Amino acid sequence: MSSKAKLAETDKLYFRIVMALSITVFCAVVVLNRKWLPRPDVMPDFVTLLPGLNALINGTCSILLLVSLYFIKQKNIAAHKTTNIITFGLSSIFLVSYVLYHYFADETIFPIDNPLRPLYLIILVSHIVLAALVLPLVLLSFYHGLLMNVERHRKLVRFTFPIWLYVTVTGVVVYLMISPYYPF
């Protein structure tokens, strides 16, 4: 088998893994939001810190994504790669924190009589939909970037970067809008 054929097989395998992982994460989030899993009667104290931590992580990721863009525009590939790895790591911590929060805590509802509710819902829904779409894009972008498959990486990042940035920024906006209504 030629090296090109091996790479094509590896790409297919990685694509399948990315899709399986993305679907698994999506299903886990749906299950947690539907409260189909039994939960403890008492919410651990640390759970009240998670929304703020998640907003901090999202805000940090927003800044790091812009720093990464700056580095690649300066052709500083090493700094670009390091910044993206840090951003990916923080996003992974965010995902664990998000899952933990939604496992333990009840959903906080934005007040129905609040005149900002339609705006909140537009931001929230777009955030949720794009967050679900961005995970496989990020994983595939990383794969091609780490392999230095520059052309595929660039093609993917044209979609991945603005979506990921939007998701991280709107994550902070959603937190700022809903945080006054947390029951803790």
Protein backbone atom coordinates (compact mmCIF):
# COMPACT_ATOMS: atom_id res chain seq x y z
CA MET A 1 0.00 0.00 0.00
CA SER A 2 1.42 3.39 -0.96
CA SER A 3 1.97 6.12 1.63
CA LYS A 4 -0.79 8.17 -0.02
CA ALA A 5 -3.24 5.25 0.32
CA LYS A 6 -2.20 4.74 3.97
CA LEU A 7 -2.79 8.42 4.67
CA ALA A 8 -6.23 8.21 3.03
CA GLU A 9 -7.11 5.21 5.22
CA THR A 10 -5.85 7.01 8.32
CA ASP A 11 -7.91 10.09 7.36
CA LYS A 12 -11.04 7.93 7.00
CA LEU A 13 -10.43 6.24 10.34
CA TYR A 14 -9.84 9.56 12.09
CA PHE A 15 -12.96 11.04 10.48
CA ARG A 16 -15.03 8.11 11.80
CA ILE A 17 -13.54 8.52 15.28
CA VAL A 18 -14.27 12.27 15.23
CA MET A 19 -17.86 11.67 14.14
CA ALA A 20 -18.39 8.95 16.78
CA LEU A 21 -16.93 11.16 19.50
CA SER A 22 -18.97 14.19 18.39
CA ILE A 23 -22.20 12.18 18.33
CA THR A 24 -21.40 10.69 21.75
CA VAL A 25 -20.79 14.14 23.26
CA PHE A 26 -23.97 15.50 21.66
CA CYS A 27 -26.03 12.57 23.00
CA ALA A 28 -24.51 12.97 26.47
CA VAL A 29 -25.47 16.64 26.54
CA VAL A 30 -29.02 15.82 25.39
CA VAL A 31 -29.36 13.11 28.05
CA LEU A 32 -28.05 15.44 30.76
CA ASN A 33 -30.36 18.27 29.75
CA ARG A 34 -33.34 15.92 29.78
CA LYS A 35 -32.39 14.70 33.28
CA TRP A 36 -32.78 11.04 32.30
CA LEU A 37 -29.98 10.00 34.64
CA PRO A 38 -30.52 9.66 38.38
CA ARG A 39 -28.92 12.51 40.31
CA PRO A 40 -27.86 12.88 43.92
CA ASP A 41 -30.40 14.49 46.22
CA VAL A 42 -27.91 17.16 47.26
CA MET A 43 -25.89 19.20 44.79
CA PRO A 44 -22.18 19.35 45.75
CA ASP A 45 -21.00 22.84 46.74
CA PHE A 46 -18.42 23.08 43.93
CA VAL A 47 -21.17 22.95 41.30
CA THR A 48 -22.15 26.56 42.03
CA LEU A 49 -18.67 27.63 40.84
CA LEU A 50 -18.91 25.88 37.47
CA PRO A 51 -20.95 28.45 35.48
CA GLY A 52 -18.46 31.19 36.35
CA LEU A 53 -15.55 28.88 35.58
CA ASN A 54 -17.14 27.99 32.25
CA ALA A 55 -17.54 31.68 31.36
CA LEU A 56 -13.93 32.34 32.35
CA ILE A 57 -12.75 29.45 30.19
CA ASN A 58 -14.88 30.62 27.26
CA GLY A 59 -13.58 34.18 27.57
CA THR A 60 -10.00 32.94 27.76
CA CYS A 61 -10.54 30.74 24.71
CA SER A 62 -11.93 33.73 22.79
CA ILE A 63 -8.78 35.70 23.50
CA LEU A 64 -6.53 32.73 22.71
CA LEU A 65 -8.27 32.16 19.38
CA LEU A 66 -7.56 35.76 18.42
CA VAL A 67 -3.95 35.41 19.60
CA SER A 68 -3.66 32.25 17.50
CA LEU A 69 -4.93 34.13 14.47
CA TYR A 70 -2.36 36.84 15.10
CA PHE A 71 0.44 34.27 15.32
CA ILE A 72 -0.49 32.57 12.07
CA LYS A 73 -0.77 35.94 10.30
CA GLN A 74 2.79 36.58 11.53
CA LYS A 75 3.76 33.12 10.17
CA ASN A 76 4.76 32.02 13.66
CA ILE A 77 3.57 28.44 13.27
CA ALA A 78 5.07 27.20 16.54
CA ALA A 79 3.28 29.87 18.61
CA HIS A 80 0.08 29.32 16.60
CA LYS A 81 0.21 25.59 17.28
CA THR A 82 1.00 26.03 20.99
CA THR A 83 -1.81 28.56 21.42
CA ASN A 84 -4.28 26.25 19.71
CA ILE A 85 -3.23 23.29 21.86
CA ILE A 86 -3.77 25.39 24.99
CA THR A 87 -7.15 26.55 23.66
CA PHE A 88 -8.13 22.97 22.86
CA GLY A 89 -7.09 21.86 26.36
CA LEU A 90 -9.13 24.62 27.97
CA SER A 91 -12.11 23.75 25.77
CA SER A 92 -11.80 20.14 26.90
CA ILE A 93 -11.83 21.26 30.55
CA PHE A 94 -14.86 23.39 29.71
CA LEU A 95 -16.66 20.37 28.27
CA VAL A 96 -16.04 18.30 31.42
CA SER A 97 -17.15 21.21 33.61
CA TYR A 98 -20.26 21.77 31.48
CA VAL A 99 -21.23 18.10 31.69
CA LEU A 100 -20.68 18.06 35.47
CA TYR A 101 -22.78 21.18 35.95
CA HIS A 102 -25.66 19.87 33.88
CA TYR A 103 -25.53 16.53 35.66
CA PHE A 104 -25.84 18.06 39.11
CA ALA A 105 -27.78 21.32 38.66
CA ASP A 106 -31.32 22.09 37.63
CA GLU A 107 -31.77 24.16 34.50
CA THR A 108 -31.98 27.91 35.07
CA ILE A 109 -34.77 29.53 33.06
CA PHE A 110 -34.49 33.08 31.76
CA PRO A 111 -37.60 34.90 33.02
CA ILE A 112 -40.48 34.79 30.58
CA ASP A 113 -41.52 38.37 31.37
CA ASN A 114 -38.03 39.80 30.77
CA PRO A 115 -38.03 41.94 27.59
CA LEU A 116 -34.55 40.61 26.74
CA ARG A 117 -35.79 37.03 26.61
CA PRO A 118 -36.15 36.89 22.78
CA LEU A 119 -32.59 38.18 22.37
CA TYR A 120 -31.34 35.74 25.01
CA LEU A 121 -33.06 32.82 23.26
CA ILE A 122 -31.64 33.77 19.85
CA ILE A 123 -28.13 33.95 21.29
CA LEU A 124 -28.62 30.74 23.31
CA VAL A 125 -30.05 28.68 20.45
CA SER A 126 -27.39 29.83 17.99
CA HIS A 127 -24.74 29.11 20.62
CA ILE A 128 -26.04 25.58 21.25
CA VAL A 129 -26.42 24.67 17.57
CA LEU A 130 -23.00 26.00 16.61
CA ALA A 131 -21.35 24.42 19.68
CA ALA A 132 -22.63 21.05 18.49
CA LEU A 133 -21.33 21.69 14.97
CA VAL A 134 -17.94 23.06 15.96
CA LEU A 135 -16.63 20.01 17.85
CA PRO A 136 -16.02 17.83 14.78
CA LEU A 137 -14.66 20.85 12.90
CA VAL A 138 -12.18 21.59 15.69
CA LEU A 139 -11.08 17.95 15.91
CA LEU A 140 -10.60 17.67 12.14
CA SER A 141 -8.81 21.04 11.99
CA PHE A 142 -6.45 19.88 14.73
CA TYR A 143 -5.80 16.60 13.00
CA HIS A 144 -4.78 18.24 9.74
CA GLY A 145 -2.91 21.03 11.49
CA LEU A 146 -0.84 18.65 13.62
CA LEU A 147 -0.02 16.58 10.54
CA MET A 148 0.98 19.82 8.78
CA ASN A 149 -1.55 19.08 6.06
CA VAL A 150 -1.75 22.83 5.51
CA GLU A 151 -4.22 22.96 2.63
CA ARG A 152 -6.88 20.83 4.36
CA HIS A 153 -6.24 22.63 7.63
CA ARG A 154 -6.77 26.04 5.98
CA LYS A 155 -9.96 24.91 4.25
CA LEU A 156 -11.43 23.64 7.51
CA VAL A 157 -10.29 26.57 9.63
CA ARG A 158 -12.10 29.04 7.39
CA PHE A 159 -15.29 27.58 8.88
CA THR A 160 -13.97 26.35 12.22
CA PHE A 161 -12.36 29.59 13.44
CA PRO A 162 -15.35 31.95 13.17
CA ILE A 163 -17.75 29.34 14.54
CA TRP A 164 -15.47 28.45 17.47
CA LEU A 165 -14.90 32.14 18.23
CA TYR A 166 -18.65 32.84 18.07
CA VAL A 167 -19.36 29.91 20.42
CA THR A 168 -16.78 31.06 22.97
CA VAL A 169 -17.94 34.69 22.89
CA THR A 170 -21.64 33.82 23.08
CA GLY A 171 -20.88 31.41 25.92
CA VAL A 172 -19.77 34.42 27.96
CA VAL A 173 -22.75 36.48 26.81
CA VAL A 174 -25.20 33.71 27.76
CA TYR A 175 -23.56 33.41 31.19
CA LEU A 176 -23.76 37.18 31.79
CA MET A 177 -27.42 37.22 30.79
CA ILE A 178 -28.52 34.17 32.82
CA SER A 179 -26.28 34.50 35.89
CA PRO A 180 -28.58 36.87 37.82
CA TYR A 181 -31.21 34.12 37.75
CA TYR A 182 -29.17 31.25 39.16
CA PRO A 183 -30.82 29.96 42.33
CA PHE A 184 -27.52 29.97 44.25
